[in-house]
PDB file of all heavy atoms in Angstrom:
ATOM      1  N   VAL A   1      76.118 -75.406  29.669  1.00  0.00           N
ATOM      2  CA  VAL A   1      76.250 -76.743  30.249  1.00  0.00           C
ATOM      3  C   VAL A   1      77.268 -76.670  31.387  1.00  0.00           C
ATOM      4  O   VAL A   1      77.818 -77.745  31.723  1.00  0.00           O
ATOM      5  CB  VAL A   1      76.550 -77.825  29.290  1.00  0.00           C
ATOM      6  CG1 VAL A   1      75.407 -78.233  28.462  1.00  0.00           C
ATOM      7  CG2 VAL A   1      77.739 -77.520  28.354  1.00  0.00           C
ATOM      8  N   GLY A   2      77.452 -75.507  31.998  1.00  0.00           N
ATOM      9  CA  GLY A   2      78.320 -75.406  33.109  1.00  0.00           C
ATOM     10  C   GLY A   2      77.878 -76.288  34.297  1.00  0.00           C
ATOM     11  O   GLY A   2      78.754 -76.738  35.084  1.00  0.00           O
ATOM     12  N   ASP A   3      76.575 -76.449  34.416  1.00  0.00           N
ATOM     13  CA  ASP A   3      76.132 -77.233  35.582  1.00  0.00           C
ATOM     14  C   ASP A   3      76.345 -78.818  35.383  1.00  0.00           C
ATOM     15  O   ASP A   3      76.060 -79.539  36.341  1.00  0.00           O
ATOM     16  CB  ASP A   3      74.660 -76.999  35.830  1.00  0.00           C
ATOM     17  CG  ASP A   3      73.730 -77.238  34.664  1.00  0.00           C
ATOM     18  OD1 ASP A   3      74.265 -77.528  33.534  1.00  0.00           O
ATOM     19  OD2 ASP A   3      72.489 -77.232  34.710  1.00  0.00           O
ATOM     20  N   THR A   4      76.809 -79.171  34.244  1.00  0.00           N
ATOM     21  CA  THR A   4      77.106 -80.624  33.977  1.00  0.00           C
ATOM     22  C   THR A   4      78.592 -80.878  34.279  1.00  0.00           C
ATOM     23  O   THR A   4      78.996 -82.062  34.044  1.00  0.00           O
ATOM     24  CB  THR A   4      76.730 -81.028  32.511  1.00  0.00           C
ATOM     25  OG1 THR A   4      77.656 -80.385  31.653  1.00  0.00           O
ATOM     26  CG2 THR A   4      75.362 -80.557  32.171  1.00  0.00           C
ATOM     27  N   ALA A   5      79.363 -79.916  34.594  1.00  0.00           N
ATOM     28  CA  ALA A   5      80.799 -80.141  34.775  1.00  0.00           C
ATOM     29  C   ALA A   5      81.235 -81.357  35.469  1.00  0.00           C
ATOM     30  O   ALA A   5      82.147 -82.055  35.143  1.00  0.00           O
ATOM     31  CB  ALA A   5      81.450 -78.852  35.334  1.00  0.00           C
ATOM     32  N   GLN A   6      80.610 -81.665  36.636  1.00  0.00           N
ATOM     33  CA  GLN A   6      80.909 -82.839  37.400  1.00  0.00           C
ATOM     34  C   GLN A   6      79.982 -83.987  37.169  1.00  0.00           C
ATOM     35  O   GLN A   6      80.059 -84.937  38.047  1.00  0.00           O
ATOM     36  CB  GLN A   6      80.952 -82.354  38.919  1.00  0.00           C
ATOM     37  CG  GLN A   6      81.826 -81.184  39.288  1.00  0.00           C
ATOM     38  CD  GLN A   6      83.313 -81.502  38.954  1.00  0.00           C
ATOM     39  OE1 GLN A   6      83.744 -82.642  38.934  1.00  0.00           O
ATOM     40  NE2 GLN A   6      84.054 -80.434  38.598  1.00  0.00           N
ATOM     41  N   VAL A   7      79.377 -84.029  36.079  1.00  0.00           N
ATOM     42  CA  VAL A   7      78.402 -85.160  35.815  1.00  0.00           C
ATOM     43  C   VAL A   7      79.155 -86.059  34.785  1.00  0.00           C
ATOM     44  O   VAL A   7      79.794 -85.582  33.878  1.00  0.00           O
ATOM     45  CB  VAL A   7      77.141 -84.627  35.193  1.00  0.00           C
ATOM     46  CG1 VAL A   7      76.196 -85.835  34.805  1.00  0.00           C
ATOM     47  CG2 VAL A   7      76.370 -83.665  36.181  1.00  0.00           C
ATOM     48  N   LEU A   8      79.076 -87.433  34.945  1.00  0.00           N
ATOM     49  CA  LEU A   8      79.635 -88.313  34.068  1.00  0.00           C
ATOM     50  C   LEU A   8      78.976 -88.225  32.743  1.00  0.00           C
ATOM     51  O   LEU A   8      77.701 -88.055  32.701  1.00  0.00           O
ATOM     52  CB  LEU A   8      79.485 -89.803  34.586  1.00  0.00           C
ATOM     53  CG  LEU A   8      80.266 -90.133  35.833  1.00  0.00           C
ATOM     54  CD1 LEU A   8      80.034 -91.550  36.275  1.00  0.00           C
ATOM     55  CD2 LEU A   8      81.753 -89.902  35.660  1.00  0.00           C
ATOM     56  N   VAL A   9      79.710 -88.284  31.606  1.00  0.00           N
ATOM     57  CA  VAL A   9      79.175 -88.083  30.309  1.00  0.00           C
ATOM     58  C   VAL A   9      78.040 -89.079  30.044  1.00  0.00           C
ATOM     59  O   VAL A   9      77.054 -88.793  29.315  1.00  0.00           O
ATOM     60  CB  VAL A   9      80.279 -88.172  29.231  1.00  0.00           C
ATOM     61  CG1 VAL A   9      79.764 -88.431  27.907  1.00  0.00           C
ATOM     62  CG2 VAL A   9      81.150 -86.972  29.318  1.00  0.00           C
ATOM     63  N   ARG A  10      78.184 -90.300  30.536  1.00  0.00           N
ATOM     64  CA  ARG A  10      77.149 -91.331  30.184  1.00  0.00           C
ATOM     65  C   ARG A  10      75.802 -90.986  30.783  1.00  0.00           C
ATOM     66  O   ARG A  10      74.772 -91.592  30.401  1.00  0.00           O
ATOM     67  CB  ARG A  10      77.659 -92.717  30.688  1.00  0.00           C
ATOM     68  CG  ARG A  10      77.942 -92.841  32.171  1.00  0.00           C
ATOM     69  CD  ARG A  10      78.423 -94.262  32.443  1.00  0.00           C
ATOM     70  NE  ARG A  10      78.977 -94.389  33.802  1.00  0.00           N
ATOM     71  CZ  ARG A  10      78.275 -94.600  34.829  1.00  0.00           C
ATOM     72  NH1 ARG A  10      76.901 -94.641  34.800  1.00  0.00           N
ATOM     73  NH2 ARG A  10      78.801 -94.664  36.056  1.00  0.00           N
ATOM     74  N   ARG A  11      75.709 -90.069  31.689  1.00  0.00           N
ATOM     75  CA  ARG A  11      74.532 -89.643  32.321  1.00  0.00           C
ATOM     76  C   ARG A  11      73.937 -88.421  31.676  1.00  0.00           C
ATOM     77  O   ARG A  11      72.856 -88.015  32.162  1.00  0.00           O
ATOM     78  CB  ARG A  11      74.694 -89.373  33.792  1.00  0.00           C
ATOM     79  CG  ARG A  11      75.101 -90.646  34.631  1.00  0.00           C
ATOM     80  CD  ARG A  11      75.352 -90.269  36.073  1.00  0.00           C
ATOM     81  NE  ARG A  11      75.646 -91.529  36.873  1.00  0.00           N
ATOM     82  CZ  ARG A  11      76.022 -91.531  38.095  1.00  0.00           C
ATOM     83  NH1 ARG A  11      76.167 -90.321  38.761  1.00  0.00           N
ATOM     84  NH2 ARG A  11      76.402 -92.551  38.781  1.00  0.00           N
ATOM     85  N   LEU A  12      74.543 -87.925  30.636  1.00  0.00           N
ATOM     86  CA  LEU A  12      74.123 -86.689  30.035  1.00  0.00           C
ATOM     87  C   LEU A  12      73.118 -87.012  28.866  1.00  0.00           C
ATOM     88  O   LEU A  12      73.200 -88.154  28.330  1.00  0.00           O
ATOM     89  CB  LEU A  12      75.215 -85.881  29.444  1.00  0.00           C
ATOM     90  CG  LEU A  12      76.274 -85.368  30.429  1.00  0.00           C
ATOM     91  CD1 LEU A  12      77.376 -84.613  29.760  1.00  0.00           C
ATOM     92  CD2 LEU A  12      75.607 -84.460  31.515  1.00  0.00           C
ATOM     93  N   SER A  13      72.278 -86.136  28.519  1.00  0.00           N
ATOM     94  CA  SER A  13      71.411 -86.274  27.401  1.00  0.00           C
ATOM     95  C   SER A  13      72.270 -86.163  26.124  1.00  0.00           C
ATOM     96  O   SER A  13      73.390 -85.667  26.057  1.00  0.00           O
ATOM     97  CB  SER A  13      70.362 -85.243  27.400  1.00  0.00           C
ATOM     98  OG  SER A  13      70.869 -83.947  27.069  1.00  0.00           O
ATOM     99  N   ALA A  14      71.684 -86.551  24.960  1.00  0.00           N
ATOM    100  CA  ALA A  14      72.408 -86.444  23.701  1.00  0.00           C
ATOM    101  C   ALA A  14      72.719 -85.021  23.419  1.00  0.00           C
ATOM    102  O   ALA A  14      73.865 -84.693  22.879  1.00  0.00           O
ATOM    103  CB  ALA A  14      71.550 -86.992  22.549  1.00  0.00           C
ATOM    104  N   GLY A  15      71.817 -84.072  23.692  1.00  0.00           N
ATOM    105  CA  GLY A  15      72.114 -82.672  23.440  1.00  0.00           C
ATOM    106  C   GLY A  15      73.202 -82.113  24.344  1.00  0.00           C
ATOM    107  O   GLY A  15      74.047 -81.337  23.860  1.00  0.00           O
ATOM    108  N   GLU A  16      73.189 -82.525  25.586  1.00  0.00           N
ATOM    109  CA  GLU A  16      74.276 -82.154  26.504  1.00  0.00           C
ATOM    110  C   GLU A  16      75.645 -82.680  26.034  1.00  0.00           C
ATOM    111  O   GLU A  16      76.632 -81.944  26.082  1.00  0.00           O
ATOM    112  CB  GLU A  16      73.928 -82.600  27.974  1.00  0.00           C
ATOM    113  CG  GLU A  16      72.791 -81.838  28.555  1.00  0.00           C
ATOM    114  CD  GLU A  16      72.374 -82.400  29.900  1.00  0.00           C
ATOM    115  OE1 GLU A  16      72.450 -83.593  30.051  1.00  0.00           O
ATOM    116  OE2 GLU A  16      71.812 -81.665  30.664  1.00  0.00           O
ATOM    117  N   ARG A  17      75.660 -83.931  25.580  1.00  0.00           N
ATOM    118  CA  ARG A  17      76.946 -84.474  25.207  1.00  0.00           C
ATOM    119  C   ARG A  17      77.462 -83.709  23.948  1.00  0.00           C
ATOM    120  O   ARG A  17      78.609 -83.486  23.736  1.00  0.00           O
ATOM    121  CB  ARG A  17      76.770 -85.942  24.792  1.00  0.00           C
ATOM    122  CG  ARG A  17      76.525 -86.813  26.055  1.00  0.00           C
ATOM    123  CD  ARG A  17      76.760 -88.285  25.655  1.00  0.00           C
ATOM    124  NE  ARG A  17      75.775 -88.807  24.711  1.00  0.00           N
ATOM    125  CZ  ARG A  17      74.612 -89.358  25.043  1.00  0.00           C
ATOM    126  NH1 ARG A  17      74.240 -89.345  26.373  1.00  0.00           N
ATOM    127  NH2 ARG A  17      73.828 -89.780  24.117  1.00  0.00           N
ATOM    128  N   ARG A  18      76.520 -83.269  23.027  1.00  0.00           N
ATOM    129  CA  ARG A  18      76.979 -82.562  21.872  1.00  0.00           C
ATOM    130  C   ARG A  18      77.607 -81.220  22.254  1.00  0.00           C
ATOM    131  O   ARG A  18      78.601 -80.801  21.733  1.00  0.00           O
ATOM    132  CB  ARG A  18      75.694 -82.268  20.932  1.00  0.00           C
ATOM    133  CG  ARG A  18      76.001 -81.616  19.620  1.00  0.00           C
ATOM    134  CD  ARG A  18      76.151 -82.632  18.596  1.00  0.00           C
ATOM    135  NE  ARG A  18      76.538 -82.108  17.296  1.00  0.00           N
ATOM    136  CZ  ARG A  18      77.443 -82.775  16.570  1.00  0.00           C
ATOM    137  NH1 ARG A  18      77.928 -83.890  16.922  1.00  0.00           N
ATOM    138  NH2 ARG A  18      77.686 -82.292  15.353  1.00  0.00           N
ATOM    139  N   LEU A  19      77.002 -80.584  23.301  1.00  0.00           N
ATOM    140  CA  LEU A  19      77.549 -79.290  23.726  1.00  0.00           C
ATOM    141  C   LEU A  19      78.854 -79.485  24.456  1.00  0.00           C
ATOM    142  O   LEU A  19      79.724 -78.634  24.275  1.00  0.00           O
ATOM    143  CB  LEU A  19      76.471 -78.616  24.600  1.00  0.00           C
ATOM    144  CG  LEU A  19      75.164 -78.062  23.873  1.00  0.00           C
ATOM    145  CD1 LEU A  19      74.178 -77.704  24.884  1.00  0.00           C
ATOM    146  CD2 LEU A  19      75.550 -76.968  22.944  1.00  0.00           C
ATOM    147  N   VAL A  20      79.014 -80.567  25.201  1.00  0.00           N
ATOM    148  CA  VAL A  20      80.272 -80.830  25.843  1.00  0.00           C
ATOM    149  C   VAL A  20      81.379 -81.055  24.766  1.00  0.00           C
ATOM    150  O   VAL A  20      82.441 -80.522  24.898  1.00  0.00           O
ATOM    151  CB  VAL A  20      80.095 -82.056  26.818  1.00  0.00           C
ATOM    152  CG1 VAL A  20      81.561 -82.536  27.235  1.00  0.00           C
ATOM    153  CG2 VAL A  20      79.200 -81.769  27.990  1.00  0.00           C
ATOM    154  N   ALA A  21      80.997 -81.777  23.768  1.00  0.00           N
ATOM    155  CA  ALA A  21      81.993 -81.986  22.624  1.00  0.00           C
ATOM    156  C   ALA A  21      82.346 -80.725  21.954  1.00  0.00           C
ATOM    157  O   ALA A  21      83.510 -80.587  21.608  1.00  0.00           O
ATOM    158  CB  ALA A  21      81.402 -83.061  21.661  1.00  0.00           C
ATOM    159  N   LEU A  22      81.370 -79.890  21.801  1.00  0.00           N
ATOM    160  CA  LEU A  22      81.667 -78.561  21.102  1.00  0.00           C
ATOM    161  C   LEU A  22      82.503 -77.730  22.053  1.00  0.00           C
ATOM    162  O   LEU A  22      83.570 -77.096  21.570  1.00  0.00           O
ATOM    163  CB  LEU A  22      80.358 -77.864  20.793  1.00  0.00           C
ATOM    164  CG  LEU A  22      80.608 -76.463  20.207  1.00  0.00           C
ATOM    165  CD1 LEU A  22      81.348 -76.467  18.891  1.00  0.00           C
ATOM    166  CD2 LEU A  22      79.114 -75.840  19.964  1.00  0.00           C
ATOM    167  N   ALA A  23      82.283 -77.753  23.395  1.00  0.00           N
ATOM    168  CA  ALA A  23      83.131 -77.036  24.313  1.00  0.00           C
ATOM    169  C   ALA A  23      84.573 -77.567  24.288  1.00  0.00           C
ATOM    170  O   ALA A  23      85.518 -76.739  24.293  1.00  0.00           O
ATOM    171  CB  ALA A  23      82.615 -77.205  25.808  1.00  0.00           C
ATOM    172  N   ARG A  24      84.708 -78.882  24.100  1.00  0.00           N
ATOM    173  CA  ARG A  24      86.097 -79.425  23.962  1.00  0.00           C
ATOM    174  C   ARG A  24      86.742 -78.940  22.701  1.00  0.00           C
ATOM    175  O   ARG A  24      87.958 -78.742  22.730  1.00  0.00           O
ATOM    176  CB  ARG A  24      85.981 -81.006  23.969  1.00  0.00           C
ATOM    177  CG  ARG A  24      87.267 -81.715  23.928  1.00  0.00           C
ATOM    178  CD  ARG A  24      87.205 -83.184  24.100  1.00  0.00           C
ATOM    179  NE  ARG A  24      86.506 -83.783  22.842  1.00  0.00           N
ATOM    180  CZ  ARG A  24      86.260 -85.027  22.689  1.00  0.00           C
ATOM    181  NH1 ARG A  24      86.706 -85.851  23.739  1.00  0.00           N
ATOM    182  NH2 ARG A  24      85.636 -85.457  21.642  1.00  0.00           N
ATOM    183  N   ALA A  25      86.045 -78.830  21.595  1.00  0.00           N
ATOM    184  CA  ALA A  25      86.624 -78.324  20.370  1.00  0.00           C
ATOM    185  C   ALA A  25      87.034 -76.870  20.402  1.00  0.00           C
ATOM    186  O   ALA A  25      88.046 -76.588  19.852  1.00  0.00           O
ATOM    187  CB  ALA A  25      85.647 -78.570  19.258  1.00  0.00           C
ATOM    188  N   LEU A  26      86.308 -76.053  21.227  1.00  0.00           N
ATOM    189  CA  LEU A  26      86.489 -74.681  21.250  1.00  0.00           C
ATOM    190  C   LEU A  26      87.488 -74.237  22.334  1.00  0.00           C
ATOM    191  O   LEU A  26      87.999 -73.149  22.291  1.00  0.00           O
ATOM    192  CB  LEU A  26      85.254 -73.889  21.399  1.00  0.00           C
ATOM    193  CG  LEU A  26      84.162 -73.989  20.216  1.00  0.00           C
ATOM    194  CD1 LEU A  26      82.950 -73.325  20.523  1.00  0.00           C
ATOM    195  CD2 LEU A  26      84.852 -73.479  19.001  1.00  0.00           C
ATOM    196  N   ALA A  27      87.560 -75.075  23.378  1.00  0.00           N
ATOM    197  CA  ALA A  27      88.295 -74.675  24.610  1.00  0.00           C
ATOM    198  C   ALA A  27      89.869 -74.489  24.264  1.00  0.00           C
ATOM    199  O   ALA A  27      90.444 -75.185  23.399  1.00  0.00           O
ATOM    200  CB  ALA A  27      88.194 -75.726  25.702  1.00  0.00           C
ATOM    201  N   GLY A  28      90.411 -73.439  24.913  1.00  0.00           N
ATOM    202  CA  GLY A  28      91.841 -73.161  24.751  1.00  0.00           C
ATOM    203  C   GLY A  28      92.194 -72.482  23.399  1.00  0.00           C
ATOM    204  O   GLY A  28      93.338 -72.449  23.115  1.00  0.00           O
ATOM    205  N   ALA A  29      91.238 -71.883  22.790  1.00  0.00           N
ATOM    206  CA  ALA A  29      91.544 -71.215  21.545  1.00  0.00           C
ATOM    207  C   ALA A  29      92.454 -71.834  20.525  1.00  0.00           C
ATOM    208  O   ALA A  29      93.544 -71.453  20.273  1.00  0.00           O
ATOM    209  CB  ALA A  29      92.097 -69.783  21.931  1.00  0.00           C
ATOM    210  N   PRO A  30      92.041 -73.032  19.968  1.00  0.00           N
ATOM    211  CA  PRO A  30      92.907 -73.711  19.030  1.00  0.00           C
ATOM    212  C   PRO A  30      93.016 -72.833  17.771  1.00  0.00           C
ATOM    213  O   PRO A  30      92.174 -71.986  17.402  1.00  0.00           O
ATOM    214  CB  PRO A  30      92.034 -74.980  18.700  1.00  0.00           C
ATOM    215  CG  PRO A  30      90.617 -74.648  19.044  1.00  0.00           C
ATOM    216  CD  PRO A  30      90.728 -73.802  20.200  1.00  0.00           C
ATOM    217  N   VAL A  31      94.027 -73.045  16.985  1.00  0.00           N
ATOM    218  CA  VAL A  31      94.257 -72.257  15.828  1.00  0.00           C
ATOM    219  C   VAL A  31      93.335 -72.510  14.704  1.00  0.00           C
ATOM    220  O   VAL A  31      92.847 -71.522  14.051  1.00  0.00           O
ATOM    221  CB  VAL A  31      95.776 -72.491  15.285  1.00  0.00           C
ATOM    222  CG1 VAL A  31      96.009 -71.778  13.998  1.00  0.00           C
ATOM    223  CG2 VAL A  31      96.818 -72.059  16.305  1.00  0.00           C
ATOM    224  N   LEU A  32      92.922 -73.740  14.599  1.00  0.00           N
ATOM    225  CA  LEU A  32      91.953 -74.126  13.521  1.00  0.00           C
ATOM    226  C   LEU A  32      90.748 -74.777  14.312  1.00  0.00           C
ATOM    227  O   LEU A  32      91.028 -75.751  15.115  1.00  0.00           O
ATOM    228  CB  LEU A  32      92.538 -75.075  12.527  1.00  0.00           C
ATOM    229  CG  LEU A  32      91.530 -75.747  11.520  1.00  0.00           C
ATOM    230  CD1 LEU A  32      90.842 -74.660  10.660  1.00  0.00           C
ATOM    231  CD2 LEU A  32      92.266 -76.697  10.712  1.00  0.00           C
ATOM    232  N   VAL A  33      89.559 -74.421  13.950  1.00  0.00           N
ATOM    233  CA  VAL A  33      88.331 -75.014  14.430  1.00  0.00           C
ATOM    234  C   VAL A  33      87.588 -75.569  13.290  1.00  0.00           C
ATOM    235  O   VAL A  33      87.275 -74.855  12.311  1.00  0.00           O
ATOM    236  CB  VAL A  33      87.508 -73.963  15.235  1.00  0.00           C
ATOM    237  CG1 VAL A  33      86.131 -74.640  15.602  1.00  0.00           C
ATOM    238  CG2 VAL A  33      88.200 -73.454  16.447  1.00  0.00           C
ATOM    239  N   ALA A  34      87.300 -76.937  13.311  1.00  0.00           N
ATOM    240  CA  ALA A  34      86.556 -77.591  12.213  1.00  0.00           C
ATOM    241  C   ALA A  34      85.332 -78.215  12.886  1.00  0.00           C
ATOM    242  O   ALA A  34      85.466 -79.188  13.601  1.00  0.00           O
ATOM    243  CB  ALA A  34      87.404 -78.612  11.558  1.00  0.00           C
ATOM    244  N   LEU A  35      84.209 -77.717  12.532  1.00  0.00           N
ATOM    245  CA  LEU A  35      82.924 -78.160  13.102  1.00  0.00           C
ATOM    246  C   LEU A  35      81.883 -78.745  12.182  1.00  0.00           C
ATOM    247  O   LEU A  35      81.607 -78.143  11.152  1.00  0.00           O
ATOM    248  CB  LEU A  35      82.209 -76.891  13.824  1.00  0.00           C
ATOM    249  CG  LEU A  35      83.092 -76.109  14.833  1.00  0.00           C
ATOM    250  CD1 LEU A  35      82.324 -74.943  15.298  1.00  0.00           C
ATOM    251  CD2 LEU A  35      83.586 -76.981  15.935  1.00  0.00           C
ATOM    252  N   ASP A  36      81.555 -79.950  12.412  1.00  0.00           N
ATOM    253  CA  ASP A  36      80.665 -80.652  11.484  1.00  0.00           C
ATOM    254  C   ASP A  36      79.220 -80.653  12.100  1.00  0.00           C
ATOM    255  O   ASP A  36      78.929 -81.318  13.113  1.00  0.00           O
ATOM    256  CB  ASP A  36      81.154 -82.176  11.335  1.00  0.00           C
ATOM    257  CG  ASP A  36      80.350 -82.863  10.198  1.00  0.00           C
ATOM    258  OD1 ASP A  36      79.307 -82.281   9.725  1.00  0.00           O
ATOM    259  OD2 ASP A  36      80.825 -83.863   9.810  1.00  0.00           O
ATOM    260  N   ASP A  37      78.357 -79.824  11.601  1.00  0.00           N
ATOM    261  CA  ASP A  37      76.976 -79.730  11.952  1.00  0.00           C
ATOM    262  C   ASP A  37      76.848 -79.503  13.431  1.00  0.00           C
ATOM    263  O   ASP A  37      76.262 -80.358  14.227  1.00  0.00           O
ATOM    264  CB  ASP A  37      76.134 -80.964  11.538  1.00  0.00           C
ATOM    265  CG  ASP A  37      74.843 -80.515  10.974  1.00  0.00           C
ATOM    266  OD1 ASP A  37      74.510 -79.335  10.994  1.00  0.00           O
ATOM    267  OD2 ASP A  37      74.096 -81.378  10.453  1.00  0.00           O
ATOM    268  N   PRO A  38      77.471 -78.451  14.049  1.00  0.00           N
ATOM    269  CA  PRO A  38      77.484 -78.318  15.438  1.00  0.00           C
ATOM    270  C   PRO A  38      76.140 -78.163  16.206  1.00  0.00           C
ATOM    271  O   PRO A  38      76.085 -78.441  17.375  1.00  0.00           O
ATOM    272  CB  PRO A  38      78.312 -76.972  15.692  1.00  0.00           C
ATOM    273  CG  PRO A  38      78.095 -76.196  14.358  1.00  0.00           C
ATOM    274  CD  PRO A  38      78.077 -77.330  13.320  1.00  0.00           C
ATOM    275  N   THR A  39      75.121 -77.731  15.463  1.00  0.00           N
ATOM    276  CA  THR A  39      73.801 -77.589  16.124  1.00  0.00           C
ATOM    277  C   THR A  39      72.859 -78.765  15.945  1.00  0.00           C
ATOM    278  O   THR A  39      71.661 -78.652  16.324  1.00  0.00           O
ATOM    279  CB  THR A  39      73.098 -76.366  15.616  1.00  0.00           C
ATOM    280  OG1 THR A  39      72.976 -76.375  14.196  1.00  0.00           O
ATOM    281  CG2 THR A  39      73.876 -75.060  15.964  1.00  0.00           C
ATOM    282  N   ALA A  40      73.367 -79.870  15.359  1.00  0.00           N
ATOM    283  CA  ALA A  40      72.522 -81.058  15.154  1.00  0.00           C
ATOM    284  C   ALA A  40      71.933 -81.575  16.467  1.00  0.00           C
ATOM    285  O   ALA A  40      72.544 -81.831  17.406  1.00  0.00           O
ATOM    286  CB  ALA A  40      73.399 -82.193  14.531  1.00  0.00           C
TER     287      ALA A  40
END
């Protein structure tokens, strides 16, 4: 979803928003990653 970088979240599809949220969870190499049904 790199091509959505400059798109407002409210204009994204539900799937794109899910992937953006997952990118936020994984970015920056957090020590603990807790993912609830990431592919829903």
